[in-house]
Protein backbone atom coordinates (compact mmCIF):
# COMPACT_ATOMS: atom_id res chain seq x y z
CA MET A 1 60.72 133.42 119.31
CA SER A 2 61.02 130.26 121.37
CA SER A 3 64.37 129.32 119.81
CA PHE A 4 66.00 132.57 120.95
CA ASN A 5 69.77 132.02 121.14
CA TRP A 6 71.35 134.65 123.40
CA SER A 7 74.94 134.05 122.27
CA ALA A 8 74.04 134.16 118.57
CA GLU A 9 71.98 137.34 119.03
CA ALA A 10 74.83 138.96 120.98
CA GLU A 11 77.25 138.08 118.20
CA LYS A 12 74.98 139.67 115.59
CA LEU A 13 74.57 142.84 117.66
CA TRP A 14 78.28 143.32 118.30
CA ASP A 15 79.24 142.45 114.73
CA LYS A 16 76.82 145.18 113.64
CA ASN A 17 78.12 147.69 116.21
CA SER A 18 81.83 146.91 115.85
CA GLU A 19 82.61 149.95 113.66
CA ILE A 20 80.81 152.38 115.98
CA TRP A 21 82.50 150.88 119.05
CA ASN A 22 85.89 150.93 117.36
CA LEU A 23 85.56 154.66 116.66
CA LYS A 24 85.07 155.53 120.34
CA SER A 25 87.05 152.89 122.25
CA ARG A 26 90.40 154.68 122.10
CA GLU A 27 88.90 157.82 123.65
CA MET A 28 87.21 155.78 126.40
CA TRP A 29 90.48 154.08 127.38
CA GLU A 30 92.74 157.12 127.01
CA GLU A 31 90.62 160.01 128.27
CA GLY A 32 87.13 158.80 129.12
CA SER A 33 85.39 156.44 131.52
CA ARG A 34 88.08 153.71 131.28
CA LYS A 35 91.21 155.88 131.59
CA ASP A 36 92.06 154.84 135.19
CA ILE A 37 91.45 151.10 134.81
CA ILE A 38 94.94 150.01 133.75
CA SER A 39 96.71 151.92 136.54
CA PHE A 40 94.20 150.44 139.02
CA PHE A 41 94.90 146.99 137.57
CA GLU A 42 98.67 147.49 137.92
CA LYS A 43 98.27 148.09 141.66
CA HIS A 44 96.99 144.55 142.16
CA VAL A 45 98.38 142.32 139.39
CA LYS A 46 102.09 141.68 138.82
CA LYS A 47 103.64 142.56 135.48
CA GLY A 48 104.21 139.49 133.34
CA SER A 49 101.03 137.81 134.62
CA LEU A 50 98.80 135.92 132.22
CA VAL A 51 95.60 137.95 131.89
CA CYS A 52 92.41 137.09 130.01
CA ASP A 53 90.39 140.05 128.72
CA LEU A 54 86.79 138.78 128.80
CA GLY A 55 84.57 140.49 126.26
CA CYS A 56 87.62 142.25 124.84
CA GLY A 57 85.71 144.04 122.06
CA ASP A 58 88.06 145.68 119.58
CA GLY A 59 91.02 144.91 121.85
CA TYR A 60 91.97 148.38 123.05
CA GLY A 61 91.98 147.34 126.70
CA SER A 62 94.06 144.30 125.76
CA TYR A 63 96.42 146.62 123.87
CA LYS A 64 96.85 148.78 126.98
CA LEU A 65 97.48 145.69 129.12
CA ALA A 66 100.06 144.36 126.67
CA LEU A 67 101.90 147.70 126.59
CA ALA A 68 101.88 147.68 130.40
CA GLY A 69 103.78 144.38 130.42
CA TYR A 70 101.13 141.68 130.74
CA ASN A 71 100.68 138.51 128.71
CA VAL A 72 97.20 138.93 127.28
CA ALA A 73 94.58 136.64 125.77
CA GLY A 74 91.31 138.25 124.64
CA ILE A 75 87.96 136.54 124.10
CA ASP A 76 84.87 138.02 122.48
CA VAL A 77 81.64 136.65 120.99
CA SER A 78 81.96 138.85 117.88
CA GLU A 79 84.17 137.79 114.98
CA GLU A 80 84.22 141.40 113.72
CA MET A 81 85.53 142.58 117.10
CA ILE A 82 88.17 139.83 117.18
CA GLN A 83 89.47 140.85 113.76
CA LYS A 84 89.76 144.47 114.89
CA ALA A 85 91.52 143.38 118.08
CA GLN A 86 94.04 141.33 116.11
CA ALA A 87 94.76 144.23 113.78
CA LEU A 88 95.18 146.70 116.64
CA ASN A 89 97.48 144.32 118.50
CA ALA A 90 99.58 143.27 115.51
CA GLU A 91 102.70 144.70 117.19
CA THR A 92 101.96 143.21 120.63
CA SER A 93 102.05 139.63 121.90
CA ALA A 94 98.31 139.65 122.73
CA GLU A 95 96.29 136.78 121.26
CA PHE A 96 92.57 136.66 120.54
CA LYS A 97 89.90 134.01 120.18
CA LYS A 98 86.21 134.10 119.37
CA GLY A 99 84.14 132.57 122.17
CA ASP A 100 81.44 132.87 124.82
CA ILE A 101 82.85 134.08 128.15
CA SER A 102 80.35 131.92 130.04
CA CYS A 103 82.09 128.82 128.65
CA LEU A 104 85.80 129.56 128.53
CA PRO A 105 88.20 127.39 126.46
CA ILE A 106 90.72 127.54 129.31
CA LYS A 107 92.01 124.89 131.73
CA ASP A 108 91.37 125.05 135.47
CA GLU A 109 93.65 127.45 137.39
CA ALA A 110 95.44 128.39 134.17
CA ILE A 111 95.53 132.19 134.41
CA ASP A 112 96.57 134.82 136.92
CA ALA A 113 93.84 137.40 136.38
CA VAL A 114 90.90 138.47 134.25
CA LEU A 115 89.69 141.85 133.05
CA ALA A 116 85.98 142.22 132.22
CA ILE A 117 84.77 145.77 131.62
CA ASN A 118 81.05 146.15 130.92
CA SER A 119 80.86 142.62 129.52
CA LEU A 120 79.14 140.52 132.21
CA GLU A 121 75.91 142.48 131.72
CA TRP A 122 75.83 141.30 128.11
CA THR A 123 75.80 137.59 128.97
CA GLU A 124 72.78 135.38 129.50
CA SER A 125 74.03 134.38 132.96
CA PRO A 126 76.54 136.64 134.73
CA LEU A 127 76.58 134.00 137.47
CA GLU A 128 77.93 131.40 135.03
CA VAL A 129 80.66 133.82 133.98
CA LEU A 130 81.64 134.34 137.63
CA LYS A 131 81.83 130.58 138.10
CA GLU A 132 83.95 130.20 134.98
CA MET A 133 86.26 132.94 136.20
CA ASN A 134 86.47 131.16 139.54
CA ARG A 135 87.47 127.97 137.73
CA VAL A 136 90.14 129.33 135.39
CA VAL A 137 91.80 131.91 137.68
CA LYS A 138 94.37 130.60 140.12
CA THR A 139 93.52 130.57 143.81
CA GLY A 140 94.43 134.03 145.08
CA GLY A 141 94.30 135.41 141.53
CA ARG A 142 92.47 138.57 140.57
CA ALA A 143 89.44 139.72 138.63
CA CYS A 144 89.01 143.36 137.62
CA ILE A 145 85.33 143.86 136.77
CA GLY A 146 83.57 146.99 135.53
CA ILE A 147 79.79 147.22 136.00
CA LEU A 148 77.81 150.17 134.68
CA GLY A 149 76.23 152.25 137.44
CA PRO A 150 72.81 153.91 137.63
CA THR A 151 73.84 157.17 135.95
CA ALA A 152 75.00 155.30 132.82
CA ALA A 153 71.31 154.52 132.23
CA PRO A 154 72.03 151.00 130.94
CA ARG A 155 68.31 150.22 131.16
CA ILE A 156 67.95 151.44 127.58
CA ASN A 157 69.51 148.13 126.57
CA SER A 158 67.11 145.99 128.58
CA PHE A 159 64.00 148.19 128.80
CA ARG A 160 62.13 146.19 126.14
CA ARG A 161 62.02 143.18 128.48
CA LEU A 162 59.16 145.01 130.20
CA TYR A 163 57.18 144.36 127.02
CA LYS A 164 58.19 140.68 127.31
CA GLU A 165 60.55 141.07 124.37
CA LYS A 166 63.77 139.08 124.26
CA VAL A 167 66.77 141.25 125.11
CA ILE A 168 70.47 140.49 125.43
CA CYS A 169 71.36 142.71 128.35
CA ASN A 170 71.24 141.66 132.01
CA THR A 171 71.20 145.12 133.57
CA MET A 172 72.39 144.93 137.18
CA MET A 173 73.48 147.43 139.74
CA PRO A 174 77.05 147.46 141.15
CA TRP A 175 75.76 146.41 144.60
CA GLU A 176 73.95 143.45 143.03
CA PHE A 177 77.12 142.32 141.28
CA GLU A 178 79.10 142.78 144.51
CA LYS A 179 76.76 140.49 146.42
CA LEU A 180 76.70 137.95 143.59
CA SER A 181 80.50 137.81 143.50
CA GLU A 182 80.84 137.51 147.29
CA GLU A 183 78.41 134.58 147.30
CA ASN A 184 80.29 132.79 144.53
CA GLY A 185 83.93 132.52 145.46
CA TRP A 186 85.23 136.09 145.24
CA LYS A 187 86.41 138.62 147.82
CA LYS A 188 86.45 142.35 147.11
CA ILE A 189 89.87 143.83 147.85
CA ASP A 190 89.59 147.25 146.21
CA GLU A 191 87.27 149.42 144.13
CA ILE A 192 87.06 152.74 142.31
CA GLY A 193 84.10 154.74 141.08
CA VAL A 194 83.78 156.45 137.72
CA TYR A 195 81.46 159.46 137.63
CA LYS A 196 79.89 161.79 135.11
CA LYS A 197 81.23 165.34 135.24
CA ALA A 198 78.10 166.68 136.92
CA SER A 199 78.36 164.26 139.84
CA GLU A 200 82.16 164.58 140.06
CA GLN A 201 81.54 168.01 141.60
CA LEU A 202 79.49 166.56 144.46
CA PRO A 203 81.28 165.94 147.78
CA LYS A 204 81.26 162.19 148.39
CA GLY A 205 83.50 161.84 151.42
CA SER A 206 80.62 161.44 153.86
CA LEU A 207 78.58 159.11 151.65
CA THR A 208 78.25 155.39 152.32
CA ALA A 209 79.60 152.94 149.74
CA ASP A 210 76.15 152.16 148.34
CA LEU A 211 75.35 155.86 147.87
CA LYS A 212 78.67 156.37 146.07
CA GLN A 213 77.78 153.45 143.82
CA ALA A 214 74.33 154.96 143.25
CA LEU A 215 75.95 158.09 141.80
CA SER A 216 78.41 156.21 139.61
CA PHE A 217 78.61 155.93 135.84
CA MET A 218 80.63 152.74 136.32
CA TRP A 219 82.03 150.87 139.31
CA ILE A 220 85.33 149.03 139.02
CA PHE A 221 85.88 146.10 141.39
CA MET A 222 89.12 144.29 142.15
CA LEU A 223 88.28 140.81 143.38
CA GLU A 224 90.42 137.98 144.75
CA ASN A 225 89.64 134.38 143.92
CA LYS A 226 89.14 132.62 147.22
CA LYS A 227 87.61 129.55 145.50
CA GLN A 228 84.64 127.56 146.68
CA GLU A 229 84.19 123.86 147.27
CA GLY A 230 82.95 122.36 144.06
CA ASN A 231 84.17 125.35 141.97
CA GLY A 232 87.62 124.02 141.25
């Protein structure tokens, strides 16, 4: 499979899974693992800002952002997902475009913030996505990034790589993403952890940040674009 095309394979997978994802996305954003993301976002990004939802899926996160008063543009590799996002957002001003988030069709310093929830792991190079975000987000702008934690068991998506099979998931831990972002033009300014019910009962006040991340289902970072020489 020497001609393996990551972006094309990702598109096929998410086209295939679009119906299943669509059935559960509302619950995730309203009551589940993503329910606190928009309020967290509102703490750090002014209403009326231009926000790009990277890997927007069926557009429910974009829908929530639009209702909260943001100008939203969503990008996803799956045409099926884009169509669902457009239908869901028919009554909002949100706009959607099919594309690869590692090569954004956006001018330098053109947007105020990005939202990327569990999407960087599904790209061939999360580093390239970070660099693209660094390029298109204004200096001092924001990036709200969700990375699945250890208790989400995301390895099921990349386990087959251990058999030297081609996979389209770059499983990484929250602390790995944090270091990658810090080394590539971003500064962490806030964060929240999302936990499974069983670990929600555990006292975490005395735990270090890395141990809290180790218990998480997902870790949500708020980053500030501090730019780097040569990155815009």
